[in-house]
């Protein structure tokens, strides 16, 4: 791929990422409006003609790795698995 083609691709990628950021901001704003409405109505589910929205509390349990490392560092070391991946960054 030529340098000119690469320059165009990077330019296009940057523009698409900017558009994605704008869309993500707009999506978050609309979601907050819907959540505020649901809070105001005291509802955790809304039903429409061809859609439904739920906004419910969900409980989950996660391992506190920082506390585990502090309390049992030898156990953490025995069960820690290192992985390798490739990260793609455009600056």
PDB file of N, CA and C in Angstrom:
ATOM      1  N   UNK A   1       0.856  -1.165   0.000  1.00  0.00           N
ATOM      2  CA  UNK A   1       0.000   0.000   0.000  1.00  0.00           C
ATOM      3  C   UNK A   1       0.906   1.232   0.000  1.00  0.00           C
ATOM      4  N   UNK A   2       0.598   2.173  -0.865  1.00  0.00           N
ATOM      5  CA  UNK A   2       1.441   3.369  -0.974  1.00  0.00           C
ATOM      6  C   UNK A   2       1.219   4.302   0.218  1.00  0.00           C
ATOM      7  N   UNK A   3       2.151   5.227   0.397  1.00  0.00           N
ATOM      8  CA  UNK A   3       2.061   6.197   1.483  1.00  0.00           C
ATOM      9  C   UNK A   3       0.808   7.064   1.316  1.00  0.00           C
ATOM     10  N   UNK A   4       0.497   7.429   0.079  1.00  0.00           N
ATOM     11  CA  UNK A   4      -0.695   8.244  -0.171  1.00  0.00           C
ATOM     12  C   UNK A   4      -1.965   7.499   0.221  1.00  0.00           C
ATOM     13  N   UNK A   5      -2.030   6.224  -0.110  1.00  0.00           N
ATOM     14  CA  UNK A   5      -3.193   5.414   0.253  1.00  0.00           C
ATOM     15  C   UNK A   5      -3.275   5.273   1.770  1.00  0.00           C
ATOM     16  N   UNK A   6      -2.130   5.047   2.411  1.00  0.00           N
ATOM     17  CA  UNK A   6      -2.094   4.945   3.874  1.00  0.00           C
ATOM     18  C   UNK A   6      -2.575   6.245   4.516  1.00  0.00           C
ATOM     19  N   UNK A   7      -2.104   7.382   3.996  1.00  0.00           N
ATOM     20  CA  UNK A   7      -2.533   8.678   4.522  1.00  0.00           C
ATOM     21  C   UNK A   7      -4.045   8.848   4.415  1.00  0.00           C
ATOM     22  N   UNK A   8      -4.610   8.459   3.299  1.00  0.00           N
ATOM     23  CA  UNK A   8      -6.056   8.555   3.111  1.00  0.00           C
ATOM     24  C   UNK A   8      -6.807   7.625   4.060  1.00  0.00           C
ATOM     25  N   UNK A   9      -6.299   6.424   4.235  1.00  0.00           N
ATOM     26  CA  UNK A   9      -6.942   5.468   5.144  1.00  0.00           C
ATOM     27  C   UNK A   9      -6.926   5.971   6.582  1.00  0.00           C
ATOM     28  N   UNK A  10      -5.779   6.522   7.014  1.00  0.00           N
ATOM     29  CA  UNK A  10      -5.681   7.044   8.375  1.00  0.00           C
ATOM     30  C   UNK A  10      -6.603   8.248   8.542  1.00  0.00           C
ATOM     31  N   UNK A  11      -6.667   9.105   7.543  1.00  0.00           N
ATOM     32  CA  UNK A  11      -7.567  10.257   7.580  1.00  0.00           C
ATOM     33  C   UNK A  11      -9.019   9.789   7.701  1.00  0.00           C
ATOM     34  N   UNK A  12      -9.387   8.802   6.914  1.00  0.00           N
ATOM     35  CA  UNK A  12     -10.746   8.254   6.955  1.00  0.00           C
ATOM     36  C   UNK A  12     -11.029   7.615   8.320  1.00  0.00           C
ATOM     37  N   UNK A  13     -10.067   6.870   8.833  1.00  0.00           N
ATOM     38  CA  UNK A  13     -10.227   6.230  10.137  1.00  0.00           C
ATOM     39  C   UNK A  13     -10.429   7.272  11.232  1.00  0.00           C
ATOM     40  N   UNK A  14      -9.631   8.322  11.232  1.00  0.00           N
ATOM     41  CA  UNK A  14      -9.779   9.382  12.227  1.00  0.00           C
ATOM     42  C   UNK A  14     -11.162  10.034  12.153  1.00  0.00           C
ATOM     43  N   UNK A  15     -11.626  10.289  10.958  1.00  0.00           N
ATOM     44  CA  UNK A  15     -12.943  10.907  10.787  1.00  0.00           C
ATOM     45  C   UNK A  15     -14.050   9.975  11.283  1.00  0.00           C
ATOM     46  N   UNK A  16     -13.945   8.705  10.962  1.00  0.00           N
ATOM     47  CA  UNK A  16     -14.948   7.747  11.423  1.00  0.00           C
ATOM     48  C   UNK A  16     -14.934   7.617  12.943  1.00  0.00           C
ATOM     49  N   UNK A  17     -13.762   7.627  13.551  1.00  0.00           N
ATOM     50  CA  UNK A  17     -13.673   7.577  15.015  1.00  0.00           C
ATOM     51  C   UNK A  17     -14.276   8.826  15.644  1.00  0.00           C
ATOM     52  N   UNK A  18     -14.056   9.993  15.038  1.00  0.00           N
ATOM     53  CA  UNK A  18     -14.652  11.228  15.535  1.00  0.00           C
ATOM     54  C   UNK A  18     -16.175  11.135  15.467  1.00  0.00           C
ATOM     55  N   UNK A  19     -16.681  10.625  14.332  1.00  0.00           N
ATOM     56  CA  UNK A  19     -18.127  10.455  14.183  1.00  0.00           C
ATOM     57  C   UNK A  19     -18.657   9.473  15.228  1.00  0.00           C
ATOM     58  N   UNK A  20     -17.909   8.402  15.492  1.00  0.00           N
ATOM     59  CA  UNK A  20     -18.313   7.410  16.485  1.00  0.00           C
ATOM     60  C   UNK A  20     -18.392   8.050  17.870  1.00  0.00           C
ATOM     61  N   UNK A  21     -17.409   8.890  18.193  1.00  0.00           N
ATOM     62  CA  UNK A  21     -17.419   9.574  19.491  1.00  0.00           C
ATOM     63  C   UNK A  21     -18.635  10.490  19.613  1.00  0.00           C
ATOM     64  N   UNK A  22     -18.958  11.205  18.529  1.00  0.00           N
ATOM     65  CA  UNK A  22     -20.141  12.071  18.538  1.00  0.00           C
ATOM     66  C   UNK A  22     -21.414  11.244  18.738  1.00  0.00           C
ATOM     67  N   UNK A  23     -21.496  10.126  18.039  1.00  0.00           N
ATOM     68  CA  UNK A  23     -22.666   9.250  18.174  1.00  0.00           C
ATOM     69  C   UNK A  23     -22.750   8.656  19.574  1.00  0.00           C
ATOM     70  N   UNK A  24     -21.615   8.252  20.134  1.00  0.00           N
ATOM     71  CA  UNK A  24     -21.603   7.677  21.479  1.00  0.00           C
ATOM     72  C   UNK A  24     -22.096   8.703  22.498  1.00  0.00           C
ATOM     73  N   UNK A  25     -21.720   9.962  22.328  1.00  0.00           N
ATOM     74  CA  UNK A  25     -22.176  11.022  23.219  1.00  0.00           C
ATOM     75  C   UNK A  25     -23.681  11.206  23.089  1.00  0.00           C
ATOM     76  N   UNK A  26     -24.182  11.226  21.873  1.00  0.00           N
ATOM     77  CA  UNK A  26     -25.630  11.382  21.644  1.00  0.00           C
ATOM     78  C   UNK A  26     -26.401  10.188  22.196  1.00  0.00           C
ATOM     79  N   UNK A  27     -25.887   8.994  22.002  1.00  0.00           N
ATOM     80  CA  UNK A  27     -26.529   7.784  22.533  1.00  0.00           C
ATOM     81  C   UNK A  27     -26.611   7.854  24.051  1.00  0.00           C
ATOM     82  N   UNK A  28     -25.514   8.219  24.689  1.00  0.00           N
ATOM     83  CA  UNK A  28     -25.486   8.313  26.151  1.00  0.00           C
ATOM     84  C   UNK A  28     -26.494   9.347  26.647  1.00  0.00           C
ATOM     85  N   UNK A  29     -26.625  10.457  25.953  1.00  0.00           N
ATOM     86  CA  UNK A  29     -27.565  11.501  26.337  1.00  0.00           C
ATOM     87  C   UNK A  29     -29.009  10.994  26.269  1.00  0.00           C
ATOM     88  N   UNK A  30     -29.350  10.314  25.197  1.00  0.00           N
ATOM     89  CA  UNK A  30     -30.707   9.775  25.052  1.00  0.00           C
ATOM     90  C   UNK A  30     -30.971   8.707  26.100  1.00  0.00           C
ATOM     91  N   UNK A  31     -29.984   7.849  26.353  1.00  0.00           N
ATOM     92  CA  UNK A  31     -30.146   6.824  27.385  1.00  0.00           C
ATOM     93  C   UNK A  31     -30.407   7.458  28.746  1.00  0.00           C
ATOM     94  N   UNK A  32     -29.684   8.537  29.068  1.00  0.00           N
ATOM     95  CA  UNK A  32     -29.885   9.218  30.350  1.00  0.00           C
ATOM     96  C   UNK A  32     -31.277   9.816  30.445  1.00  0.00           C
ATOM     97  N   UNK A  33     -31.786  10.381  29.350  1.00  0.00           N
ATOM     98  CA  UNK A  33     -33.148  10.910  29.343  1.00  0.00           C
ATOM     99  C   UNK A  33     -34.158   9.804  29.645  1.00  0.00           C
ATOM    100  N   UNK A  34     -33.984   8.649  29.005  1.00  0.00           N
ATOM    101  CA  UNK A  34     -34.896   7.531  29.226  1.00  0.00           C
ATOM    102  C   UNK A  34     -34.810   7.029  30.665  1.00  0.00           C
ATOM    103  N   UNK A  35     -33.598   6.922  31.198  1.00  0.00           N
ATOM    104  CA  UNK A  35     -33.419   6.484  32.587  1.00  0.00           C
ATOM    105  C   UNK A  35     -34.050   7.470  33.559  1.00  0.00           C
ATOM    106  N   UNK A  36     -33.862   8.764  33.313  1.00  0.00           N
ATOM    107  CA  UNK A  36     -34.472   9.778  34.171  1.00  0.00           C
ATOM    108  C   UNK A  36     -35.992   9.653  34.166  1.00  0.00           C
ATOM    109  N   UNK A  37     -36.558   9.434  32.993  1.00  0.00           N
ATOM    110  CA  UNK A  37     -38.004   9.262  32.886  1.00  0.00           C
ATOM    111  C   UNK A  37     -38.461   8.029  33.670  1.00  0.00           C
ATOM    112  N   UNK A  38     -37.722   6.950  33.529  1.00  0.00           N
ATOM    113  CA  UNK A  38     -38.078   5.715  34.238  1.00  0.00           C
ATOM    114  C   UNK A  38     -37.979   5.923  35.753  1.00  0.00           C
ATOM    115  N   UNK A  39     -36.942   6.628  36.206  1.00  0.00           N
ATOM    116  CA  UNK A  39     -36.819   6.947  37.629  1.00  0.00           C
ATOM    117  C   UNK A  39     -38.007   7.774  38.101  1.00  0.00           C
ATOM    118  N   UNK A  40     -38.337   8.793  37.333  1.00  0.00           N
ATOM    119  CA  UNK A  40     -39.430   9.685  37.682  1.00  0.00           C
ATOM    120  C   UNK A  40     -40.752   8.914  37.799  1.00  0.00           C
ATOM    121  N   UNK A  41     -40.941   7.932  36.887  1.00  0.00           N
ATOM    122  CA  UNK A  41     -42.162   7.118  36.895  1.00  0.00           C
ATOM    123  C   UNK A  41     -42.088   5.979  37.913  1.00  0.00           C
ATOM    124  N   UNK A  42     -40.908   5.711  38.455  1.00  0.00           N
ATOM    125  CA  UNK A  42     -40.737   4.600  39.381  1.00  0.00           C
ATOM    126  C   UNK A  42     -40.877   3.253  38.694  1.00  0.00           C
ATOM    127  N   UNK A  43     -40.402   3.166  37.457  1.00  0.00           N
ATOM    128  CA  UNK A  43     -40.541   1.938  36.669  1.00  0.00           C
ATOM    129  C   UNK A  43     -39.168   1.400  36.291  1.00  0.00           C
ATOM    130  N   UNK A  44     -39.076   0.074  36.191  1.00  0.00           N
ATOM    131  CA  UNK A  44     -37.835  -0.518  35.698  1.00  0.00           C
ATOM    132  C   UNK A  44     -38.031  -1.189  34.343  1.00  0.00           C
ATOM    133  N   UNK A  45     -39.247  -1.060  33.770  1.00  0.00           N
ATOM    134  CA  UNK A  45     -39.527  -1.601  32.442  1.00  0.00           C
ATOM    135  C   UNK A  45     -40.550  -0.718  31.736  1.00  0.00           C
ATOM    136  N   UNK A  46     -40.285  -0.430  30.477  1.00  0.00           N
ATOM    137  CA  UNK A  46     -41.221   0.297  29.631  1.00  0.00           C
ATOM    138  C   UNK A  46     -41.467  -0.528  28.379  1.00  0.00           C
ATOM    139  N   UNK A  47     -42.713  -0.586  27.945  1.00  0.00           N
ATOM    140  CA  UNK A  47     -43.071  -1.336  26.746  1.00  0.00           C
ATOM    141  C   UNK A  47     -43.645  -0.398  25.699  1.00  0.00           C
ATOM    142  N   UNK A  48     -43.236  -0.580  24.460  1.00  0.00           N
ATOM    143  CA  UNK A  48     -43.762   0.213  23.360  1.00  0.00           C
ATOM    144  C   UNK A  48     -44.332  -0.705  22.295  1.00  0.00           C
ATOM    145  N   UNK A  49     -44.635  -0.129  21.151  1.00  0.00           N
ATOM    146  CA  UNK A  49     -45.217  -0.906  20.060  1.00  0.00           C
ATOM    147  C   UNK A  49     -44.259  -2.002  19.579  1.00  0.00           C
ATOM    148  N   UNK A  50     -43.010  -1.631  19.349  1.00  0.00           N
ATOM    149  CA  UNK A  50     -42.038  -2.601  18.838  1.00  0.00           C
ATOM    150  C   UNK A  50     -40.734  -2.560  19.622  1.00  0.00           C
ATOM    151  N   UNK A  51     -40.808  -2.133  20.878  1.00  0.00           N
ATOM    152  CA  UNK A  51     -39.603  -2.037  21.705  1.00  0.00           C
ATOM    153  C   UNK A  51     -39.973  -2.237  23.162  1.00  0.00           C
ATOM    154  N   UNK A  52     -38.973  -2.582  23.941  1.00  0.00           N
ATOM    155  CA  UNK A  52     -39.107  -2.579  25.394  1.00  0.00           C
ATOM    156  C   UNK A  52     -37.771  -2.156  25.975  1.00  0.00           C
ATOM    157  N   UNK A  53     -37.848  -1.479  27.099  1.00  0.00           N
ATOM    158  CA  UNK A  53     -36.653  -0.991  27.782  1.00  0.00           C
ATOM    159  C   UNK A  53     -36.700  -1.506  29.208  1.00  0.00           C
ATOM    160  N   UNK A  54     -35.607  -2.077  29.652  1.00  0.00           N
ATOM    161  CA  UNK A  54     -35.488  -2.458  31.054  1.00  0.00           C
ATOM    162  C   UNK A  54     -34.267  -1.757  31.629  1.00  0.00           C
ATOM    163  N   UNK A  55     -34.397  -1.353  32.875  1.00  0.00           N
ATOM    164  CA  UNK A  55     -33.289  -0.732  33.594  1.00  0.00           C
ATOM    165  C   UNK A  55     -33.418  -1.174  35.038  1.00  0.00           C
ATOM    166  N   UNK A  56     -32.777  -2.303  35.303  1.00  0.00           N
ATOM    167  CA  UNK A  56     -32.920  -2.953  36.598  1.00  0.00           C
ATOM    168  C   UNK A  56     -31.559  -3.098  37.262  1.00  0.00           C
ATOM    169  N   UNK A  57     -31.598  -3.198  38.581  1.00  0.00           N
ATOM    170  CA  UNK A  57     -30.373  -3.480  39.321  1.00  0.00           C
ATOM    171  C   UNK A  57     -29.993  -4.942  39.121  1.00  0.00           C
ATOM    172  N   UNK A  58     -28.733  -5.178  38.945  1.00  0.00           N
ATOM    173  CA  UNK A  58     -28.226  -6.528  38.761  1.00  0.00           C
ATOM    174  C   UNK A  58     -27.078  -6.730  39.748  1.00  0.00           C
ATOM    175  N   UNK A  59     -27.177  -7.753  40.560  1.00  0.00           N
ATOM    176  CA  UNK A  59     -26.116  -8.052  41.525  1.00  0.00           C
ATOM    177  C   UNK A  59     -25.087  -8.967  40.881  1.00  0.00           C
ATOM    178  N   UNK A  60     -23.838  -8.714  41.153  1.00  0.00           N
ATOM    179  CA  UNK A  60     -22.781  -9.581  40.650  1.00  0.00           C
ATOM    180  C   UNK A  60     -21.694  -9.691  41.708  1.00  0.00           C
ATOM    181  N   UNK A  61     -20.970 -10.778  41.648  1.00  0.00           N
ATOM    182  CA  UNK A  61     -19.851 -10.991  42.571  1.00  0.00           C
ATOM    183  C   UNK A  61     -18.568 -11.055  41.772  1.00  0.00           C
ATOM    184  N   UNK A  62     -17.587 -10.306  42.225  1.00  0.00           N
ATOM    185  CA  UNK A  62     -16.289 -10.292  41.556  1.00  0.00           C
ATOM    186  C   UNK A  62     -15.201 -10.535  42.589  1.00  0.00           C
ATOM    187  N   UNK A  63     -14.164 -11.150  42.126  1.00  0.00           N
ATOM    188  CA  UNK A  63     -13.022 -11.417  42.985  1.00  0.00           C
ATOM    189  C   UNK A  63     -12.236 -10.129  43.199  1.00  0.00           C
ATOM    190  N   UNK A  64     -11.962  -9.791  44.437  1.00  0.00           N
ATOM    191  CA  UNK A  64     -11.159  -8.619  44.766  1.00  0.00           C
ATOM    192  C   UNK A  64      -9.691  -9.031  44.683  1.00  0.00           C
ATOM    193  N   UNK A  65      -9.119  -8.869  43.491  1.00  0.00           N
ATOM    194  CA  UNK A  65      -7.755  -9.344  43.266  1.00  0.00           C
ATOM    195  C   UNK A  65      -6.730  -8.584  44.098  1.00  0.00           C
ATOM    196  N   UNK A  66      -6.974  -7.299  44.345  1.00  0.00           N
ATOM    197  CA  UNK A  66      -6.025  -6.520  45.155  1.00  0.00           C
ATOM    198  C   UNK A  66      -5.957  -7.081  46.579  1.00  0.00           C
ATOM    199  N   UNK A  67      -7.123  -7.381  47.151  1.00  0.00           N
ATOM    200  CA  UNK A  67      -7.145  -7.932  48.513  1.00  0.00           C
ATOM    201  C   UNK A  67      -6.549  -9.331  48.532  1.00  0.00           C
ATOM    202  N   UNK A  68      -6.832 -10.117  47.490  1.00  0.00           N
ATOM    203  CA  UNK A  68      -6.284 -11.476  47.415  1.00  0.00           C
ATOM    204  C   UNK A  68      -4.756 -11.434  47.304  1.00  0.00           C
ATOM    205  N   UNK A  69      -4.245 -10.524  46.477  1.00  0.00           N
ATOM    206  CA  UNK A  69      -2.788 -10.388  46.340  1.00  0.00           C
ATOM    207  C   UNK A  69      -2.145 -10.013  47.666  1.00  0.00           C
ATOM    208  N   UNK A  70      -2.825  -9.188  48.431  1.00  0.00           N
ATOM    209  CA  UNK A  70      -2.287  -8.751  49.713  1.00  0.00           C
ATOM    210  C   UNK A  70      -2.336  -9.885  50.745  1.00  0.00           C
ATOM    211  N   UNK A  71      -3.433 -10.628  50.752  1.00  0.00           N
ATOM    212  CA  UNK A  71      -3.616 -11.683  51.755  1.00  0.00           C
ATOM    213  C   UNK A  71      -2.881 -12.970  51.402  1.00  0.00           C
ATOM    214  N   UNK A  72      -2.907 -13.344  50.121  1.00  0.00           N
ATOM    215  CA  UNK A  72      -2.323 -14.624  49.706  1.00  0.00           C
ATOM    216  C   UNK A  72      -1.510 -14.456  48.416  1.00  0.00           C
ATOM    217  N   UNK A  73      -0.411 -13.739  48.464  1.00  0.00           N
ATOM    218  CA  UNK A  73       0.354 -13.494  47.239  1.00  0.00           C
ATOM    219  C   UNK A  73       0.873 -14.762  46.578  1.00  0.00           C
ATOM    220  N   UNK A  74       1.199 -15.787  47.366  1.00  0.00           N
ATOM    221  CA  UNK A  74       1.708 -17.029  46.779  1.00  0.00           C
ATOM    222  C   UNK A  74       0.620 -17.744  45.972  1.00  0.00           C
ATOM    223  N   UNK A  75      -0.613 -17.695  46.435  1.00  0.00           N
ATOM    224  CA  UNK A  75      -1.728 -18.311  45.706  1.00  0.00           C
ATOM    225  C   UNK A  75      -1.968 -17.561  44.401  1.00  0.00           C
ATOM    226  N   UNK A  76      -1.940 -16.240  44.479  1.00  0.00           N
ATOM    227  CA  UNK A  76      -2.139 -15.433  43.276  1.00  0.00           C
ATOM    228  C   UNK A  76      -1.060 -15.750  42.252  1.00  0.00           C
ATOM    229  N   UNK A  77       0.172 -15.853  42.700  1.00  0.00           N
ATOM    230  CA  UNK A  77       1.275 -16.147  41.785  1.00  0.00           C
ATOM    231  C   UNK A  77       1.097 -17.504  41.113  1.00  0.00           C
ATOM    232  N   UNK A  78       0.644 -18.495  41.890  1.00  0.00           N
ATOM    233  CA  UNK A  78       0.443 -19.842  41.333  1.00  0.00           C
ATOM    234  C   UNK A  78      -0.657 -19.875  40.280  1.00  0.00           C
ATOM    235  N   UNK A  79      -1.673 -19.034  40.417  1.00  0.00           N
ATOM    236  CA  UNK A  79      -2.822 -19.099  39.519  1.00  0.00           C
ATOM    237  C   UNK A  79      -2.911 -17.929  38.541  1.00  0.00           C
ATOM    238  N   UNK A  80      -1.867 -17.143  38.446  1.00  0.00           N
ATOM    239  CA  UNK A  80      -1.840 -16.051  37.489  1.00  0.00           C
ATOM    240  C   UNK A  80      -1.341 -16.577  36.149  1.00  0.00           C
ATOM    241  N   UNK A  81      -2.078 -16.222  35.111  1.00  0.00           N
ATOM    242  CA  UNK A  81      -1.741 -16.659  33.757  1.00  0.00           C
ATOM    243  C   UNK A  81      -1.444 -15.416  32.921  1.00  0.00           C
ATOM    244  N   UNK A  82      -0.309 -15.401  32.268  1.00  0.00           N
ATOM    245  CA  UNK A  82       0.075 -14.281  31.423  1.00  0.00           C
ATOM    246  C   UNK A  82      -0.319 -14.590  29.986  1.00  0.00           C
ATOM    247  N   UNK A  83      -0.957 -13.631  29.345  1.00  0.00           N
ATOM    248  CA  UNK A  83      -1.345 -13.785  27.946  1.00  0.00           C
ATOM    249  C   UNK A  83      -0.731 -12.646  27.144  1.00  0.00           C
ATOM    250  N   UNK A  84      -0.652 -12.839  25.862  1.00  0.00           N
ATOM    251  CA  UNK A  84      -0.120 -11.821  24.958  1.00  0.00           C
ATOM    252  C   UNK A  84      -1.149 -11.535  23.889  1.00  0.00           C
ATOM    253  N   UNK A  85      -1.316 -10.257  23.588  1.00  0.00           N
ATOM    254  CA  UNK A  85      -2.213  -9.861  22.517  1.00  0.00           C
ATOM    255  C   UNK A  85      -1.547  -8.734  21.744  1.00  0.00           C
ATOM    256  N   UNK A  86      -2.135  -8.393  20.623  1.00  0.00           N
ATOM    257  CA  UNK A  86      -1.621  -7.286  19.835  1.00  0.00           C
ATOM    258  C   UNK A  86      -2.582  -6.110  19.959  1.00  0.00           C
ATOM    259  N   UNK A  87      -2.059  -4.922  20.208  1.00  0.00           N
ATOM    260  CA  UNK A  87      -2.869  -3.729  20.347  1.00  0.00           C
ATOM    261  C   UNK A  87      -2.647  -2.836  19.123  1.00  0.00           C
ATOM    262  N   UNK A  88      -3.758  -2.398  18.512  1.00  0.00           N
ATOM    263  CA  UNK A  88      -3.698  -1.531  17.343  1.00  0.00           C
ATOM    264  C   UNK A  88      -3.991  -0.101  17.784  1.00  0.00           C
ATOM    265  N   UNK A  89      -3.051   0.819  17.571  1.00  0.00           N
ATOM    266  CA  UNK A  89      -3.217   2.214  17.971  1.00  0.00           C
ATOM    267  C   UNK A  89      -2.862   3.114  16.794  1.00  0.00           C
ATOM    268  N   UNK A  90      -3.678   4.121  16.589  1.00  0.00           N
ATOM    269  CA  UNK A  90      -3.371   5.151  15.580  1.00  0.00           C
ATOM    270  C   UNK A  90      -3.345   6.472  16.319  1.00  0.00           C
ATOM    271  N   UNK A  91      -2.228   7.167  16.235  1.00  0.00           N
ATOM    272  CA  UNK A  91      -2.097   8.457  16.942  1.00  0.00           C
ATOM    273  C   UNK A  91      -1.901   9.568  15.940  1.00  0.00           C
TER     274      UNK A  91
END
